[in-house]
Amino acid sequence: MPSVKVNAIKSLLSNKRHSKRMSIKKMLAYAGIVISVIAIIVSIRSCQISQDALDIQSQQAYALNLTNYVGVYSDDNKTLSIKTTNPNVTLQSMKVYYPSEVSDIAWDVEQPSFLLHLTSPIFEIKRKVEQEIEQQEGIVKILDGGRIPIIIESNYLSNGSGFLEKSLYSLDFEGIIWEEVGRSPDIKIKGITFINRLPITTVPTEYLDALTGASTQQALPD
């Protein structure tokens, strides 16, 4: 009997050791799965960080190639000299579009000095101002902050690459509406102001007409 009892105890201890070994194996297997999952998560995070870094670099590279334009008006010859704000940009060609009530054609900006001739558009702006602001005898009216939306389409080189861009600007002006009925208002061009960039597929005149409706005083997007 004692030998049977000893054998039983040995068998029990052996089963416990086997069970313990199985538990350790399972724990190691689970640990391996956990480690694999962690490795995958770390890999995904590393890929995301790499993608984020690439996106930032792409955005920075894109920003380096963007340009806005400024315009200096000459009242002597009724022209606007358009210049880029980005020293890396070399202008190749440029067109300016107006709402159809100002002009229904694309105006080529004269090269190489990039002068925009404004004699005809100014005449149309005066006509619109006369239509919308009534003259009153004995009262001189000052128009401050007048804006006409325009689209500038430009081809340019930057850092060795070519770009085609369409952007919305405003042609800024102020005016004097004289008291003498029938006297044409005086219009003074102040320059241009950048508003936002547009998809290259934008149809300029349609877009501008939708913005202005029937009035040149229609609010422009901020």
Protein backbone atom coordinates (compact mmCIF):
# COMPACT_ATOMS: atom_id res chain seq x y z
CA MET A 1 0.00 0.00 0.00
CA PRO A 2 2.70 2.53 0.83
CA SER A 3 4.24 2.01 -2.65
CA VAL A 4 0.85 2.64 -4.26
CA LYS A 5 0.48 5.85 -2.31
CA VAL A 6 4.00 6.98 -3.27
CA ASN A 7 3.31 6.22 -6.91
CA ALA A 8 0.07 8.18 -6.72
CA ILE A 9 1.90 11.16 -5.20
CA LYS A 10 4.59 10.96 -7.90
CA SER A 11 1.93 10.79 -10.60
CA LEU A 12 0.17 13.84 -9.12
CA LEU A 13 3.42 15.80 -8.93
CA SER A 14 4.24 14.80 -12.50
CA ASN A 15 0.82 15.97 -13.69
CA LYS A 16 1.25 19.27 -11.89
CA ARG A 17 4.69 19.78 -13.48
CA HIS A 18 3.26 18.90 -16.91
CA SER A 19 0.33 21.24 -16.34
CA LYS A 20 2.73 23.97 -15.23
CA ARG A 21 4.88 23.41 -18.34
CA MET A 22 1.72 23.65 -20.51
CA SER A 23 0.70 26.87 -18.75
CA ILE A 24 4.16 28.35 -19.31
CA LYS A 25 3.99 27.34 -22.99
CA LYS A 26 0.54 28.94 -23.31
CA MET A 27 1.73 32.07 -21.54
CA LEU A 28 4.73 32.26 -23.85
CA ALA A 29 2.46 31.73 -26.85
CA TYR A 30 0.11 34.48 -25.65
CA ALA A 31 3.10 36.71 -24.95
CA GLY A 32 4.29 36.05 -28.50
CA ILE A 33 0.88 37.11 -29.86
CA VAL A 34 0.89 40.24 -27.69
CA ILE A 35 4.42 41.09 -28.81
CA SER A 36 3.39 40.56 -32.45
CA VAL A 37 0.35 42.82 -32.01
CA ILE A 38 2.51 45.48 -30.36
CA ALA A 39 5.03 45.17 -33.19
CA ILE A 40 2.24 45.64 -35.74
CA ILE A 41 0.91 48.67 -33.87
CA VAL A 42 4.41 50.14 -33.66
CA SER A 43 4.88 49.44 -37.38
CA ILE A 44 1.56 51.11 -38.22
CA ARG A 45 2.43 54.09 -36.05
CA SER A 46 5.87 54.31 -37.67
CA CYS A 47 4.26 54.23 -41.13
CA GLN A 48 1.77 56.91 -40.08
CA ILE A 49 4.55 59.09 -38.68
CA SER A 50 6.51 58.60 -41.91
CA GLN A 51 3.41 59.47 -43.98
CA ASP A 52 2.73 62.53 -41.82
CA ALA A 53 6.33 63.65 -42.26
CA LEU A 54 6.05 63.10 -46.03
CA ASP A 55 2.76 65.05 -46.11
CA ILE A 56 4.37 67.93 -44.20
CA GLN A 57 7.33 67.93 -46.59
CA SER A 58 4.95 67.88 -49.58
CA GLN A 59 2.93 70.75 -48.13
CA GLN A 60 6.10 72.72 -47.46
CA ALA A 61 7.37 72.04 -50.99
CA TYR A 62 3.97 73.05 -52.42
CA ALA A 63 3.94 76.22 -50.33
CA LEU A 64 7.39 77.15 -51.62
CA ASN A 65 6.00 77.13 -55.16
CA LEU A 66 2.87 79.17 -54.45
CA THR A 67 2.66 82.82 -55.29
CA ASN A 68 0.35 85.75 -54.76
CA TYR A 69 0.33 88.84 -56.91
CA VAL A 70 0.34 92.52 -56.13
CA GLY A 71 -0.49 95.35 -58.51
CA VAL A 72 0.80 98.91 -58.78
CA TYR A 73 -1.46 101.25 -60.73
CA SER A 74 -0.25 103.99 -63.06
CA ASP A 75 -2.89 106.65 -63.65
CA ASP A 76 -0.83 108.13 -66.51
CA ASN A 77 -1.30 105.19 -68.86
CA LYS A 78 -4.13 103.39 -67.03
CA THR A 79 -2.14 100.21 -66.43
CA LEU A 80 -1.63 97.90 -63.49
CA SER A 81 1.87 96.47 -63.10
CA ILE A 82 1.46 92.95 -61.70
CA LYS A 83 4.30 91.36 -59.75
CA THR A 84 4.79 88.10 -57.88
CA THR A 85 5.46 87.98 -54.14
CA ASN A 86 7.56 84.79 -54.46
CA PRO A 87 11.21 85.41 -55.45
CA ASN A 88 11.46 81.82 -56.73
CA VAL A 89 8.71 82.38 -59.31
CA THR A 90 9.34 83.37 -62.92
CA LEU A 91 6.17 84.45 -64.68
CA GLN A 92 5.64 83.12 -68.21
CA SER A 93 2.13 84.26 -69.11
CA MET A 94 -0.96 85.69 -67.45
CA LYS A 95 -4.61 86.36 -68.25
CA VAL A 96 -7.18 88.33 -66.27
CA TYR A 97 -10.92 87.64 -66.34
CA TYR A 98 -13.72 90.00 -65.28
CA PRO A 99 -17.44 89.52 -64.69
CA SER A 100 -19.20 89.69 -68.06
CA GLU A 101 -20.82 93.03 -67.19
CA VAL A 102 -17.30 94.52 -67.09
CA SER A 103 -15.72 92.49 -69.89
CA ASP A 104 -16.57 89.18 -71.54
CA ILE A 105 -13.07 88.49 -72.87
CA ALA A 106 -9.84 87.30 -71.28
CA TRP A 107 -7.28 90.09 -71.04
CA ASP A 108 -3.69 89.09 -71.77
CA VAL A 109 -1.24 90.78 -69.42
CA GLU A 110 1.43 92.46 -71.50
CA GLN A 111 4.89 90.92 -71.29
CA PRO A 112 7.69 91.22 -70.28
CA SER A 113 6.71 93.90 -67.74
CA PHE A 114 3.33 92.25 -67.04
CA LEU A 115 1.14 95.31 -67.48
CA LEU A 116 -2.64 94.99 -67.39
CA HIS A 117 -4.37 97.66 -69.45
CA LEU A 118 -7.42 99.02 -67.64
CA THR A 119 -8.85 101.77 -69.87
CA SER A 120 -11.82 99.71 -71.01
CA PRO A 121 -12.55 98.02 -67.64
CA ILE A 122 -12.42 101.43 -65.88
CA PHE A 123 -14.97 102.79 -68.36
CA GLU A 124 -17.30 99.88 -67.54
CA ILE A 125 -16.75 100.33 -63.80
CA LYS A 126 -17.72 104.00 -64.13
CA ARG A 127 -20.85 102.98 -66.02
CA LYS A 128 -21.82 100.50 -63.29
CA VAL A 129 -21.18 103.08 -60.55
CA GLU A 130 -23.43 105.57 -62.39
CA GLN A 131 -26.17 102.93 -62.56
CA GLU A 132 -25.99 101.98 -58.92
CA ILE A 133 -25.22 105.24 -57.12
CA GLU A 134 -27.61 108.08 -57.80
CA GLN A 135 -26.20 111.56 -58.25
CA GLN A 136 -27.70 114.26 -56.06
CA GLU A 137 -27.41 117.96 -56.77
CA GLY A 138 -25.32 119.68 -54.14
CA ILE A 139 -23.93 116.41 -52.71
CA VAL A 140 -20.57 114.88 -53.60
CA LYS A 141 -20.43 111.18 -52.72
CA ILE A 142 -17.25 109.30 -51.92
CA LEU A 143 -17.06 105.62 -52.82
CA ASP A 144 -14.51 103.93 -50.57
CA GLY A 145 -13.69 100.24 -50.67
CA GLY A 146 -15.14 99.42 -54.08
CA ARG A 147 -14.21 95.95 -55.32
CA ILE A 148 -14.66 94.05 -58.57
CA PRO A 149 -13.91 90.30 -58.48
CA ILE A 150 -11.40 89.11 -61.05
CA ILE A 151 -9.67 85.82 -61.76
CA ILE A 152 -5.96 85.73 -62.55
CA GLU A 153 -4.76 82.72 -64.54
CA SER A 154 -1.01 82.40 -64.60
CA ASN A 155 1.68 80.12 -65.98
CA TYR A 156 4.95 80.27 -64.10
CA LEU A 157 8.15 78.43 -63.27
CA SER A 158 9.26 77.74 -59.72
CA ASN A 159 12.25 75.68 -58.62
CA GLY A 160 12.52 74.12 -62.07
CA SER A 161 8.87 73.06 -62.38
CA GLY A 162 6.01 74.60 -64.35
CA PHE A 163 2.69 75.56 -62.75
CA LEU A 164 -0.73 76.65 -64.00
CA GLU A 165 -2.87 78.43 -61.43
CA LYS A 166 -6.22 80.20 -61.19
CA SER A 167 -6.91 82.48 -58.24
CA LEU A 168 -9.65 84.85 -57.20
CA TYR A 169 -8.64 88.45 -56.57
CA SER A 170 -10.44 91.72 -56.20
CA LEU A 171 -9.67 94.81 -58.24
CA ASP A 172 -9.87 97.52 -55.59
CA PHE A 173 -10.92 101.08 -56.35
CA GLU A 174 -12.36 104.21 -54.86
CA GLY A 175 -14.41 106.86 -56.57
CA ILE A 176 -16.04 110.26 -56.45
CA ILE A 177 -19.63 110.70 -57.59
CA TRP A 178 -20.00 114.36 -58.47
CA GLU A 179 -23.00 116.53 -57.69
CA GLU A 180 -23.43 117.71 -61.28
CA VAL A 181 -25.95 115.41 -62.94
CA GLY A 182 -24.46 113.86 -66.05
CA ARG A 183 -20.86 114.26 -64.92
CA SER A 184 -18.98 110.98 -65.05
CA PRO A 185 -17.63 109.69 -61.72
CA ASP A 186 -13.91 109.63 -61.09
CA ILE A 187 -12.47 106.17 -60.45
CA LYS A 188 -9.05 105.53 -58.93
CA ILE A 189 -7.64 102.01 -58.95
CA LYS A 190 -5.94 101.07 -55.67
CA GLY A 191 -4.54 97.67 -56.60
CA ILE A 192 -5.50 94.01 -56.29
CA THR A 193 -6.15 91.81 -53.25
CA PHE A 194 -5.76 88.02 -53.12
CA ILE A 195 -8.87 86.15 -51.94
CA ASN A 196 -8.37 82.42 -52.59
CA ARG A 197 -7.12 79.79 -55.00
CA LEU A 198 -9.53 78.09 -57.36
CA PRO A 199 -9.67 74.65 -59.00
CA ILE A 200 -7.95 74.73 -62.36
CA THR A 201 -11.21 73.53 -63.94
CA THR A 202 -13.03 76.72 -62.88
CA VAL A 203 -14.74 78.52 -65.78
CA PRO A 204 -13.77 82.12 -64.96
CA THR A 205 -16.63 84.20 -66.37
CA GLU A 206 -19.31 81.81 -65.10
CA TYR A 207 -17.75 81.79 -61.65
CA LEU A 208 -17.46 85.59 -61.51
CA ASP A 209 -21.00 86.13 -62.80
CA ALA A 210 -22.29 83.78 -60.10
CA LEU A 211 -20.43 85.85 -57.51
CA THR A 212 -21.61 89.26 -58.65
CA GLY A 213 -25.13 88.56 -59.81
CA ALA A 214 -26.55 91.83 -61.09
CA SER A 215 -24.49 94.08 -58.85
CA THR A 216 -20.80 94.97 -58.57
CA GLN A 217 -21.44 95.57 -54.86
CA GLN A 218 -22.07 91.84 -54.26
CA ALA A 219 -20.04 90.65 -51.27
CA LEU A 220 -16.90 88.74 -52.14
CA PRO A 221 -15.87 85.64 -50.19
CA ASP A 222 -13.55 86.33 -47.26
